Amino acid sequence: MAEKIVVLGATGYVGTRLVTKLLQAGRQVRATSRNIGKLRGRHWSADPNVELVETDVLDLDSLTSALEGCDSAYYLVHSMNKQTRDFANADRKAAENMIVAADQAALKQIIYLGGLGDDSPELSKHLKSRAEVGEVLRSGNVPVTTLKAAMIIGSGSASFEILRYLVERLPVMITPKWVSVDTQPIGIANVLTYLTGCLGREETLNRTFDIGGPNVLRYRDLMQIYAEEAELDKRTIIPVPVFTPTLSSYWIHLVTPVPAYIGRPLAEGLRNPTICRENDIQQIVKQDLLTCRAAIRSALDKTQYHKVESHWTDAGKIWPVAWSSEADEKWAGGTIYEDKRSVVLNNTPEEIWKPLVRIGGATGYYYGDWLWRLRGVLDKLIGGVGLRRGRRNPDELSAGDALDFWRVRDVDKHKSLLLVAEMKLPGEAVLEFKINEISPGKCELTQTAKYLPKGLLGMLYWRLVTPLHDLIFDGMLLGIARAVNNNSSENPLAKLTVARAHK
């Protein structure tokens, strides 16, 4: 039997692409994630050589089961997300579980991707945590190969998106002093080659390697290279000493799609030089290293032509929102507000699905986009994710995808789409679309907004926004109907029915 490789964190930015590369090499892969729906939404999910397993690395039994029957493991897990307040503690516990589970499974090798950065008291919390995870993994009995990278340049990576938005939006930048710190970025294609090249190589066991591209440069140089490749005017960069990591993270939060909970650890890490101290890996896994300019050019091309295979927004937990299920009408957690609207169309499910699945991002919400943008700005100002996250692909959605300030919970092609709100709210909210075929060529499209308030403030919020629903939700539903019919205002079977109720 062929050896099976388990990829822990297979729906993350690196993990999604790594599974693709392993499958292309003919490997048997067990892909794991905290949510089976996210795994099923990946383009490789139906490959006969991949097995999908829902796994929680903080649950030892779950992790032990995921490793059973595997020979090697890629450890690409990170707890730096909105729901985890102390990511360093969570990552430590996960790594401790990993060494126990790996020993029970008798793994031959663990490959871990960490971060570059010299050991010093000034090392950021993020880089210290990455180093600590490596130390914990190496304390076990299973041989570990550790790869340490600085900034990864690739379409959709958090670091690249920060760079892209800062340079494109700000021709003049007042920046922290860290723009003059040395770094050694590496292209995502080179990272993947190193990861796969270390698999099963005896000379990489129980060793730590620094991985980087061929260029050592300052962040300000990287910004100017991006401007040149994006055909922008040269940027004016003014470093000042008053920009603390906290202020930097808030600035990143406001100007880019990357929220403060990610921006702050990254900004803190930028103050530390991140350059390779040795290049031994280059003699073991030989490849042509992309220059920073070539890596940026490749990332820009993939972004422009919507060929972004994975995105930083892919990471994060999808909340189950069981309270919104129609199968649980008598849920006892409190009042659920519901706004349901439907329209009957002379169209097939396939015809309705095409414009429906394009909702958000560059397409917008088919009505009152300025109101949605205003809501996104307000959300950003109070610490939410805002609308700038957009969407990874303009024509397709998968479970786990970020869609502006929503997260795709479930997708049933040509039938239903369920979105969970990730904007700041005094409660929880979902937006659901369902297509019901009444007869051949005739369907009912139902749009349902559900809201579970938290306390009196949550109930007051629903009351305040309810008057806007007739405007926004009616407009959105009829806008989708017009898009289905190529923006024609005439559709004799289009009949809007409105029903509001709370349970």
Protein backbone atom coordinates (compact mmCIF):
# COMPACT_ATOMS: atom_id res chain seq x y z
CA MET A 1 0.00 0.00 0.00
CA ALA A 2 1.19 3.53 -0.82
CA GLU A 3 2.25 5.66 2.12
CA LYS A 4 -0.42 8.08 3.28
CA ILE A 5 0.49 11.67 4.13
CA VAL A 6 -1.67 13.70 6.49
CA VAL A 7 -1.87 17.47 6.03
CA LEU A 8 -3.03 19.17 9.23
CA GLY A 9 -4.49 22.54 8.29
CA ALA A 10 -5.32 21.53 4.73
CA THR A 11 -7.79 24.38 4.15
CA GLY A 12 -5.33 27.12 5.10
CA TYR A 13 -3.38 29.29 2.69
CA VAL A 14 -0.35 26.98 2.38
CA GLY A 15 -2.24 23.75 3.13
CA THR A 16 -4.68 24.05 0.23
CA ARG A 17 -1.85 24.46 -2.27
CA LEU A 18 0.29 21.78 -0.64
CA VAL A 19 -2.45 19.16 -1.03
CA THR A 20 -2.64 20.03 -4.74
CA LYS A 21 1.11 19.57 -5.15
CA LEU A 22 1.16 16.27 -3.25
CA LEU A 23 -1.68 14.89 -5.37
CA GLN A 24 0.10 15.98 -8.53
CA ALA A 25 3.08 13.94 -7.32
CA GLY A 26 0.84 10.87 -6.99
CA ARG A 27 0.74 10.87 -3.18
CA GLN A 28 -2.07 9.48 -1.02
CA VAL A 29 -3.26 12.40 1.13
CA ARG A 30 -5.45 12.68 4.22
CA ALA A 31 -6.57 16.31 4.38
CA THR A 32 -7.81 17.61 7.72
CA SER A 33 -9.62 20.71 8.93
CA ARG A 34 -11.88 21.72 11.79
CA ASN A 35 -14.81 21.85 9.35
CA ILE A 36 -15.66 19.07 6.92
CA GLY A 37 -17.66 21.53 4.81
CA LYS A 38 -14.54 23.58 4.08
CA LEU A 39 -12.73 20.42 2.99
CA ARG A 40 -15.56 19.44 0.67
CA GLY A 41 -15.41 22.87 -0.90
CA ARG A 42 -11.78 22.51 -2.02
CA HIS A 43 -11.16 21.79 -5.70
CA TRP A 44 -9.29 18.57 -4.83
CA SER A 45 -11.99 17.16 -2.54
CA ALA A 46 -13.27 14.64 -5.11
CA ASP A 47 -9.82 13.33 -6.03
CA PRO A 48 -9.70 9.55 -5.42
CA ASN A 49 -6.30 9.92 -3.74
CA VAL A 50 -7.50 12.30 -1.03
CA GLU A 51 -9.37 11.47 2.17
CA LEU A 52 -11.24 14.22 4.03
CA VAL A 53 -11.20 14.13 7.83
CA GLU A 54 -12.66 16.67 10.27
CA THR A 55 -10.07 17.18 13.01
CA ASP A 56 -9.58 19.42 16.05
CA VAL A 57 -5.91 19.54 17.07
CA LEU A 58 -6.94 20.72 20.55
CA ASP A 59 -8.82 17.44 21.01
CA LEU A 60 -6.26 14.66 21.49
CA ASP A 61 -8.66 11.86 20.55
CA SER A 62 -9.64 13.65 17.35
CA LEU A 63 -6.00 14.26 16.43
CA THR A 64 -4.97 10.68 17.25
CA SER A 65 -7.70 9.36 14.98
CA ALA A 66 -6.59 11.69 12.16
CA LEU A 67 -3.01 10.41 12.27
CA GLU A 68 -3.87 6.72 12.47
CA GLY A 69 -2.57 4.78 9.48
CA CYS A 70 -0.43 7.64 8.17
CA ASP A 71 3.33 7.62 7.65
CA SER A 72 4.17 11.33 7.72
CA ALA A 73 2.48 14.57 8.64
CA TYR A 74 2.61 18.21 7.61
CA TYR A 75 1.89 20.46 10.59
CA LEU A 76 0.43 23.72 9.21
CA VAL A 77 -1.79 24.64 12.15
CA HIS A 78 -2.01 28.16 13.59
CA SER A 79 -4.51 29.56 16.10
CA MET A 80 -4.13 33.24 15.19
CA ASN A 81 -7.79 33.92 14.51
CA LYS A 82 -10.65 36.08 15.71
CA GLN A 83 -12.01 33.50 18.13
CA THR A 84 -8.75 32.67 19.94
CA ARG A 85 -7.67 35.34 22.41
CA ASP A 86 -4.39 33.66 23.42
CA PHE A 87 -3.13 32.08 20.19
CA ALA A 88 0.28 31.27 21.70
CA ASN A 89 -1.26 29.15 24.46
CA ALA A 90 -3.60 27.40 22.02
CA ASP A 91 -0.73 26.66 19.62
CA ARG A 92 1.37 25.25 22.48
CA LYS A 93 -1.41 22.90 23.57
CA ALA A 94 -2.00 21.77 19.99
CA ALA A 95 1.71 21.00 19.54
CA GLU A 96 1.76 19.05 22.80
CA ASN A 97 -1.18 16.99 21.55
CA MET A 98 0.64 16.45 18.28
CA ILE A 99 3.72 14.83 19.82
CA VAL A 100 1.53 12.41 21.79
CA ALA A 101 -0.66 11.51 18.79
CA ALA A 102 2.34 11.26 16.44
CA ASP A 103 4.08 8.84 18.79
CA GLN A 104 0.96 6.63 19.02
CA ALA A 105 0.65 6.62 15.22
CA ALA A 106 4.39 5.82 14.86
CA LEU A 107 4.88 8.54 12.27
CA LYS A 108 8.17 8.54 10.40
CA GLN A 109 8.37 12.32 9.97
CA ILE A 110 6.68 15.60 10.89
CA ILE A 111 7.28 18.60 8.62
CA TYR A 112 6.59 21.95 10.26
CA LEU A 113 6.53 25.41 8.65
CA GLY A 114 7.59 28.09 11.12
CA GLY A 115 8.87 31.66 10.97
CA LEU A 116 12.29 33.25 10.59
CA GLY A 117 13.65 35.48 13.33
CA ASP A 118 16.70 35.46 15.61
CA ASP A 119 16.20 34.44 19.23
CA SER A 120 16.18 37.65 21.28
CA PRO A 121 14.12 39.35 23.99
CA GLU A 122 12.82 41.70 21.27
CA LEU A 123 11.25 38.88 19.23
CA SER A 124 7.53 39.46 18.64
CA LYS A 125 4.91 37.31 20.35
CA HIS A 126 3.95 35.82 16.99
CA LEU A 127 7.50 34.74 16.10
CA LYS A 128 8.14 33.51 19.65
CA SER A 129 5.04 31.34 19.39
CA ARG A 130 6.14 29.93 16.02
CA ALA A 131 9.54 29.07 17.53
CA GLU A 132 7.96 27.52 20.62
CA VAL A 133 5.75 25.25 18.52
CA GLY A 134 8.85 23.97 16.74
CA GLU A 135 10.57 23.29 20.05
CA VAL A 136 7.57 21.37 21.39
CA LEU A 137 7.34 19.23 18.25
CA ARG A 138 11.07 18.45 18.37
CA SER A 139 10.76 17.33 22.00
CA GLY A 140 8.79 14.26 20.92
CA ASN A 141 10.02 10.92 19.61
CA VAL A 142 9.07 11.42 15.95
CA PRO A 143 11.75 13.03 13.72
CA VAL A 144 10.85 16.62 12.81
CA THR A 145 11.88 18.72 9.83
CA THR A 146 11.40 22.44 10.49
CA LEU A 147 11.34 25.03 7.73
CA LYS A 148 11.51 28.68 8.79
CA ALA A 149 10.29 31.33 6.36
CA ALA A 150 9.95 35.11 6.42
CA MET A 151 7.30 36.87 4.33
CA ILE A 152 5.64 34.55 1.82
CA ILE A 153 4.83 36.30 -1.46
CA GLY A 154 1.89 34.77 -3.27
CA SER A 155 -1.55 35.72 -4.49
CA GLY A 156 -3.89 35.80 -1.51
CA SER A 157 -1.31 35.62 1.29
CA ALA A 158 -1.92 37.99 4.21
CA SER A 159 1.52 39.60 3.85
CA PHE A 160 1.08 40.13 0.12
CA GLU A 161 -2.41 41.60 0.58
CA ILE A 162 -1.10 44.07 3.18
CA LEU A 163 1.67 45.09 0.77
CA ARG A 164 -0.75 45.34 -2.16
CA TYR A 165 -3.34 47.52 -0.47
CA LEU A 166 -0.85 49.82 1.25
CA VAL A 167 1.05 50.53 -1.97
CA GLU A 168 -2.00 50.83 -4.22
CA ARG A 169 -4.01 53.06 -1.88
CA LEU A 170 -1.28 55.31 -0.48
CA PRO A 171 1.01 57.22 -2.87
CA VAL A 172 2.47 58.91 0.21
CA MET A 173 3.05 56.72 3.27
CA ILE A 174 4.00 57.80 6.78
CA THR A 175 5.36 54.54 8.09
CA PRO A 176 6.95 52.96 11.17
CA LYS A 177 10.72 52.56 11.36
CA TRP A 178 10.38 48.88 10.48
CA VAL A 179 10.18 49.74 6.77
CA SER A 180 14.00 49.90 6.95
CA VAL A 181 14.37 46.45 8.53
CA ASP A 182 15.98 43.71 6.41
CA THR A 183 13.89 40.77 5.28
CA GLN A 184 14.28 37.85 2.88
CA PRO A 185 10.89 37.05 1.31
CA ILE A 186 10.19 33.83 -0.53
CA GLY A 187 7.67 32.97 -3.24
CA ILE A 188 4.88 30.54 -2.37
CA ALA A 189 5.94 28.25 -5.25
CA ASN A 190 9.39 27.88 -3.68
CA VAL A 191 7.90 27.22 -0.24
CA LEU A 192 5.79 24.38 -1.66
CA THR A 193 8.79 22.84 -3.42
CA TYR A 194 10.78 22.86 -0.18
CA LEU A 195 7.87 21.33 1.74
CA THR A 196 7.38 18.47 -0.71
CA GLY A 197 11.12 18.05 -1.30
CA CYS A 198 11.78 17.33 2.39
CA LEU A 199 9.24 14.52 2.56
CA GLY A 200 10.95 11.20 3.21
CA ARG A 201 14.45 12.65 2.87
CA GLU A 202 16.62 11.17 5.62
CA GLU A 203 19.05 14.07 5.51
CA THR A 204 16.26 16.46 6.56
CA LEU A 205 15.19 14.53 9.67
CA ASN A 206 15.67 16.28 13.01
CA ARG A 207 16.96 19.39 11.29
CA THR A 208 15.89 23.01 11.06
CA PHE A 209 16.34 24.95 7.82
CA ASP A 210 16.00 28.62 7.00
CA ILE A 211 14.22 29.14 3.68
CA GLY A 212 14.20 32.39 1.72
CA GLY A 213 14.40 33.84 -1.74
CA PRO A 214 17.57 35.17 -3.38
CA ASN A 215 16.99 38.80 -2.31
CA VAL A 216 17.66 40.46 1.06
CA LEU A 217 16.05 43.89 1.07
CA ARG A 218 14.16 46.39 3.18
CA TYR A 219 10.36 46.53 3.33
CA ARG A 220 10.46 50.00 1.74
CA ASP A 221 12.35 48.49 -1.21
CA LEU A 222 9.69 45.81 -1.48
CA MET A 223 7.01 48.51 -1.65
CA GLN A 224 8.78 50.28 -4.50
CA ILE A 225 9.24 47.01 -6.41
CA TYR A 226 5.51 46.35 -6.06
CA ALA A 227 4.70 49.85 -7.34
CA GLU A 228 6.89 49.26 -10.39
CA GLU A 229 5.35 45.85 -11.16
CA ALA A 230 1.83 47.26 -10.71
CA GLU A 231 2.74 50.17 -13.01
CA LEU A 232 2.18 52.76 -10.29
CA ASP A 233 4.11 55.96 -9.66
CA LYS A 234 7.01 55.76 -7.25
CA ARG A 235 5.76 55.87 -3.66
CA THR A 236 6.91 58.48 -1.14
CA ILE A 237 7.77 56.69 2.11
CA ILE A 238 8.40 58.70 5.27
CA PRO A 239 9.47 56.61 8.31
CA VAL A 240 8.66 58.11 11.72
CA PRO A 241 9.51 56.80 15.22
CA VAL A 242 6.05 57.32 16.72
CA PHE A 243 4.37 54.49 14.81
CA THR A 244 4.11 51.67 17.35
CA PRO A 245 3.12 48.10 16.36
CA THR A 246 -0.33 48.78 17.82
CA LEU A 247 -0.81 51.91 15.73
CA SER A 248 0.56 50.06 12.71
CA SER A 249 -1.97 47.26 13.16
CA TYR A 250 -4.86 49.75 13.34
CA TRP A 251 -3.59 51.46 10.20
CA ILE A 252 -3.35 48.09 8.43
CA HIS A 253 -6.88 47.31 9.66
CA LEU A 254 -8.31 50.53 8.19
CA VAL A 255 -6.42 50.61 4.88
CA THR A 256 -6.26 46.90 3.98
CA PRO A 257 -8.69 43.96 4.25
CA VAL A 258 -6.51 42.36 6.95
CA PRO A 259 -8.15 42.85 10.39
CA ALA A 260 -6.29 44.08 13.47
CA TYR A 261 -6.21 40.65 15.15
CA ILE A 262 -4.00 39.44 12.28
CA GLY A 263 -2.37 42.76 11.47
CA ARG A 264 -1.01 43.37 14.94
CA PRO A 265 1.02 40.13 15.30
CA LEU A 266 2.33 40.58 11.76
CA ALA A 267 3.22 44.24 12.35
CA GLU A 268 5.02 43.34 15.57
CA GLY A 269 7.03 40.72 13.70
CA LEU A 270 8.11 43.21 11.04
CA ARG A 271 10.35 44.99 13.53
CA ASN A 272 12.59 41.89 13.68
CA PRO A 273 15.13 41.19 10.90
CA THR A 274 14.06 38.01 9.12
CA ILE A 275 16.94 36.75 7.00
CA CYS A 276 18.40 33.28 6.47
CA ARG A 277 21.42 32.45 8.62
CA GLU A 278 22.22 29.34 6.60
CA ASN A 279 21.26 27.93 3.20
CA ASP A 280 21.78 24.19 3.67
CA ILE A 281 18.33 23.37 2.28
CA GLN A 282 19.43 24.61 -1.15
CA GLN A 283 21.87 21.69 -1.44
CA ILE A 284 19.21 19.12 -0.52
CA VAL A 285 16.16 20.42 -2.39
CA LYS A 286 17.43 22.08 -5.55
CA GLN A 287 15.21 24.58 -7.35
CA ASP A 288 15.30 27.95 -9.07
CA LEU A 289 14.41 30.60 -6.51
CA LEU A 290 12.09 33.38 -7.63
CA THR A 291 13.32 36.92 -7.11
CA CYS A 292 11.02 39.24 -5.14
CA ARG A 293 10.13 40.99 -8.37
CA ALA A 294 9.23 37.73 -10.14
CA ALA A 295 7.19 36.50 -7.16
CA ILE A 296 5.24 39.79 -7.03
CA ARG A 297 4.65 39.69 -10.77
CA SER A 298 3.30 36.13 -10.55
CA ALA A 299 1.03 37.04 -7.62
CA LEU A 300 -0.33 40.08 -9.47
CA ASP A 301 -1.07 38.00 -12.58
CA LYS A 302 -2.98 35.38 -10.62
CA THR A 303 -4.93 38.06 -8.75
CA GLN A 304 -5.83 39.89 -11.96
CA TYR A 305 -7.05 36.74 -13.72
CA HIS A 306 -8.86 35.33 -10.66
CA LYS A 307 -6.59 32.29 -10.37
CA VAL A 308 -6.06 32.57 -6.61
CA GLU A 309 -6.02 28.97 -5.42
CA SER A 310 -6.09 29.85 -1.71
CA HIS A 311 -6.46 33.02 0.32
CA TRP A 312 -5.58 34.18 3.83
CA THR A 313 -9.30 34.55 4.57
CA ASP A 314 -9.73 30.76 4.13
CA ALA A 315 -8.47 30.27 7.67
CA GLY A 316 -10.86 30.53 10.59
CA LYS A 317 -13.72 28.64 12.13
CA ILE A 318 -17.15 28.46 10.53
CA TRP A 319 -19.70 28.87 13.30
CA PRO A 320 -22.39 26.16 13.21
CA VAL A 321 -25.34 28.58 13.81
CA ALA A 322 -27.56 25.62 14.68
CA TRP A 323 -30.22 28.06 15.90
CA SER A 324 -30.93 29.04 12.28
CA SER A 325 -31.87 25.52 11.17
CA GLU A 326 -35.47 24.97 10.13
CA ALA A 327 -35.19 21.48 11.56
CA ASP A 328 -34.93 23.00 15.03
CA GLU A 329 -37.95 25.27 15.21
CA LYS A 330 -38.31 24.96 18.97
CA TRP A 331 -34.79 25.96 19.85
CA ALA A 332 -34.89 27.24 23.40
CA GLY A 333 -32.14 29.85 23.32
CA GLY A 334 -34.41 32.87 22.91
CA THR A 335 -36.21 34.92 20.29
CA ILE A 336 -35.09 34.53 16.69
CA TYR A 337 -36.08 37.31 14.30
CA GLU A 338 -36.74 36.33 10.71
CA ASP A 339 -37.34 38.26 7.49
CA LYS A 340 -38.36 36.09 4.55
CA ARG A 341 -39.06 37.23 1.00
CA SER A 342 -39.57 35.31 -2.22
CA VAL A 343 -39.97 35.87 -5.93
CA VAL A 344 -41.31 33.52 -8.63
CA LEU A 345 -39.34 33.46 -11.87
CA ASN A 346 -39.70 31.94 -15.32
CA ASN A 347 -36.21 30.47 -15.11
CA THR A 348 -34.38 27.23 -14.40
CA PRO A 349 -32.35 26.72 -11.18
CA GLU A 350 -29.16 26.94 -13.24
CA GLU A 351 -30.16 30.31 -14.70
CA ILE A 352 -30.99 31.71 -11.25
CA TRP A 353 -27.85 30.31 -9.64
CA LYS A 354 -25.40 32.05 -11.97
CA PRO A 355 -26.08 35.65 -10.81
CA LEU A 356 -26.95 34.57 -7.27
CA VAL A 357 -23.56 32.97 -6.63
CA ARG A 358 -21.82 36.16 -7.86
CA ILE A 359 -23.30 38.24 -5.03
CA GLY A 360 -20.93 40.54 -3.15
CA GLY A 361 -17.37 41.42 -4.09
CA ALA A 362 -17.08 43.39 -7.33
CA THR A 363 -20.65 42.46 -8.33
CA GLY A 364 -22.18 44.03 -5.23
CA TYR A 365 -25.59 43.31 -3.75
CA TYR A 366 -27.77 44.20 -6.73
CA TYR A 367 -29.28 47.19 -4.96
CA GLY A 368 -28.15 50.04 -2.72
CA ASP A 369 -24.46 49.18 -2.88
CA TRP A 370 -23.58 52.50 -1.29
CA LEU A 371 -25.54 51.42 1.82
CA TRP A 372 -23.60 48.14 1.96
CA ARG A 373 -20.33 50.05 1.56
CA LEU A 374 -21.36 52.42 4.36
CA ARG A 375 -22.14 49.42 6.57
CA GLY A 376 -18.71 48.04 5.73
CA VAL A 377 -16.97 51.30 6.65
CA LEU A 378 -18.83 51.47 9.97
CA ASP A 379 -17.91 47.86 10.66
CA LYS A 380 -14.23 48.60 10.00
CA LEU A 381 -14.30 51.61 12.31
CA ILE A 382 -15.56 49.52 15.24
CA GLY A 383 -13.04 46.72 14.66
CA GLY A 384 -14.95 44.46 12.27
CA VAL A 385 -13.74 42.88 9.04
CA GLY A 386 -15.57 45.29 6.70
CA LEU A 387 -16.27 44.75 3.02
CA ARG A 388 -12.70 44.91 1.71
CA ARG A 389 -12.10 41.18 2.05
CA GLY A 390 -14.14 40.80 -1.13
CA ARG A 391 -14.16 37.25 -2.45
CA ARG A 392 -11.51 34.89 -3.82
CA ASN A 393 -13.31 34.04 -7.07
CA PRO A 394 -16.02 36.16 -8.77
CA ASP A 395 -17.96 33.19 -10.14
CA GLU A 396 -17.66 30.41 -7.55
CA LEU A 397 -18.25 29.98 -3.82
CA SER A 398 -17.26 27.15 -1.51
CA ALA A 399 -17.95 26.46 2.16
CA GLY A 400 -15.52 28.47 4.26
CA ASP A 401 -14.97 31.23 1.69
CA ALA A 402 -14.96 34.82 2.91
CA LEU A 403 -17.48 37.01 1.11
CA ASP A 404 -17.07 40.64 2.21
CA PHE A 405 -18.20 40.58 5.85
CA TRP A 406 -19.93 37.19 5.46
CA ARG A 407 -18.54 33.65 5.66
CA VAL A 408 -20.01 30.96 3.40
CA ARG A 409 -21.49 28.31 5.67
CA ASP A 410 -23.04 25.94 3.13
CA VAL A 411 -23.32 25.72 -0.65
CA ASP A 412 -25.65 23.35 -2.47
CA LYS A 413 -25.15 24.22 -6.13
CA HIS A 414 -28.33 25.33 -7.93
CA LYS A 415 -30.28 24.89 -4.68
CA SER A 416 -29.12 26.93 -1.69
CA LEU A 417 -26.52 29.32 -0.28
CA LEU A 418 -26.09 30.08 3.43
CA LEU A 419 -23.98 33.03 4.63
CA VAL A 420 -22.98 33.70 8.25
CA ALA A 421 -22.33 37.31 9.29
CA GLU A 422 -18.84 38.11 10.55
CA MET A 423 -19.43 41.84 10.93
CA LYS A 424 -19.65 43.34 14.42
CA LEU A 425 -23.20 42.76 15.69
CA PRO A 426 -24.97 42.58 19.07
CA GLY A 427 -26.05 39.08 18.06
CA GLU A 428 -25.65 36.47 15.33
CA ALA A 429 -27.05 36.70 11.81
CA VAL A 430 -27.37 34.57 8.68
CA LEU A 431 -28.55 35.28 5.15
CA GLU A 432 -29.93 32.34 3.19
CA PHE A 433 -31.06 31.88 -0.40
CA LYS A 434 -33.04 28.87 -1.62
CA ILE A 435 -34.16 27.91 -5.11
CA ASN A 436 -37.24 25.71 -5.29
CA GLU A 437 -38.24 24.34 -8.70
CA ILE A 438 -42.04 24.60 -8.95
CA SER A 439 -42.23 23.16 -12.46
CA PRO A 440 -39.83 22.89 -15.42
CA GLY A 441 -38.60 26.40 -16.19
CA LYS A 442 -40.34 27.97 -13.19
CA CYS A 443 -38.79 28.47 -9.76
CA GLU A 444 -39.29 30.28 -6.49
CA LEU A 445 -36.26 32.14 -5.12
CA THR A 446 -36.52 32.66 -1.35
CA GLN A 447 -34.30 35.05 0.57
CA THR A 448 -34.28 34.74 4.38
CA ALA A 449 -32.47 36.85 6.95
CA LYS A 450 -32.35 35.43 10.48
CA TYR A 451 -31.04 37.12 13.59
CA LEU A 452 -30.38 35.89 17.12
CA PRO A 453 -30.04 38.96 19.38
CA LYS A 454 -27.77 39.16 22.40
CA GLY A 455 -29.49 40.98 25.20
CA LEU A 456 -31.54 44.16 25.04
CA LEU A 457 -29.04 45.89 22.75
CA GLY A 458 -29.39 43.10 20.22
CA MET A 459 -33.17 43.35 20.23
CA LEU A 460 -32.99 47.13 19.88
CA TYR A 461 -30.61 46.77 16.93
CA TRP A 462 -33.11 44.61 15.02
CA ARG A 463 -35.91 47.10 15.69
CA LEU A 464 -33.77 49.97 14.41
CA VAL A 465 -32.71 48.30 11.15
CA THR A 466 -36.08 46.69 10.35
CA PRO A 467 -37.40 49.78 8.49
CA LEU A 468 -34.45 49.48 6.09
CA HIS A 469 -35.28 45.88 5.23
CA ASP A 470 -38.10 46.78 2.85
CA LEU A 471 -35.68 48.95 0.93
CA ILE A 472 -32.54 46.81 1.00
CA PHE A 473 -33.90 43.25 0.99
CA ASP A 474 -36.68 43.93 -1.54
CA GLY A 475 -34.18 45.72 -3.75
CA MET A 476 -31.63 42.92 -3.48
CA LEU A 477 -34.11 40.16 -4.30
CA LEU A 478 -35.60 42.01 -7.28
CA GLY A 479 -32.10 43.01 -8.39
CA ILE A 480 -31.14 39.34 -8.52
CA ALA A 481 -34.35 38.64 -10.46
CA ARG A 482 -33.47 41.35 -13.00
CA ALA A 483 -29.92 39.98 -13.31
CA VAL A 484 -31.34 36.51 -13.98
CA ASN A 485 -33.34 37.97 -16.83
CA ASN A 486 -30.50 40.08 -18.20
CA ASN A 487 -31.70 43.19 -16.35
CA SER A 488 -35.08 43.16 -18.08
CA SER A 489 -37.75 44.94 -16.03
CA GLU A 490 -40.46 42.77 -17.57
CA ASN A 491 -41.02 39.32 -16.15
CA PRO A 492 -44.74 38.45 -16.03
CA LEU A 493 -44.31 35.72 -13.46
CA ALA A 494 -42.17 37.81 -11.10
CA LYS A 495 -44.27 38.33 -8.01
CA LEU A 496 -42.74 39.57 -4.79
CA THR A 497 -44.23 38.25 -1.57
CA VAL A 498 -43.12 39.48 1.81
CA ALA A 499 -43.59 37.69 5.12
CA ARG A 500 -41.98 38.73 8.38
CA ALA A 501 -42.10 36.70 11.54
CA HIS A 502 -40.11 36.06 14.68
CA LYS A 503 -39.89 32.77 16.49
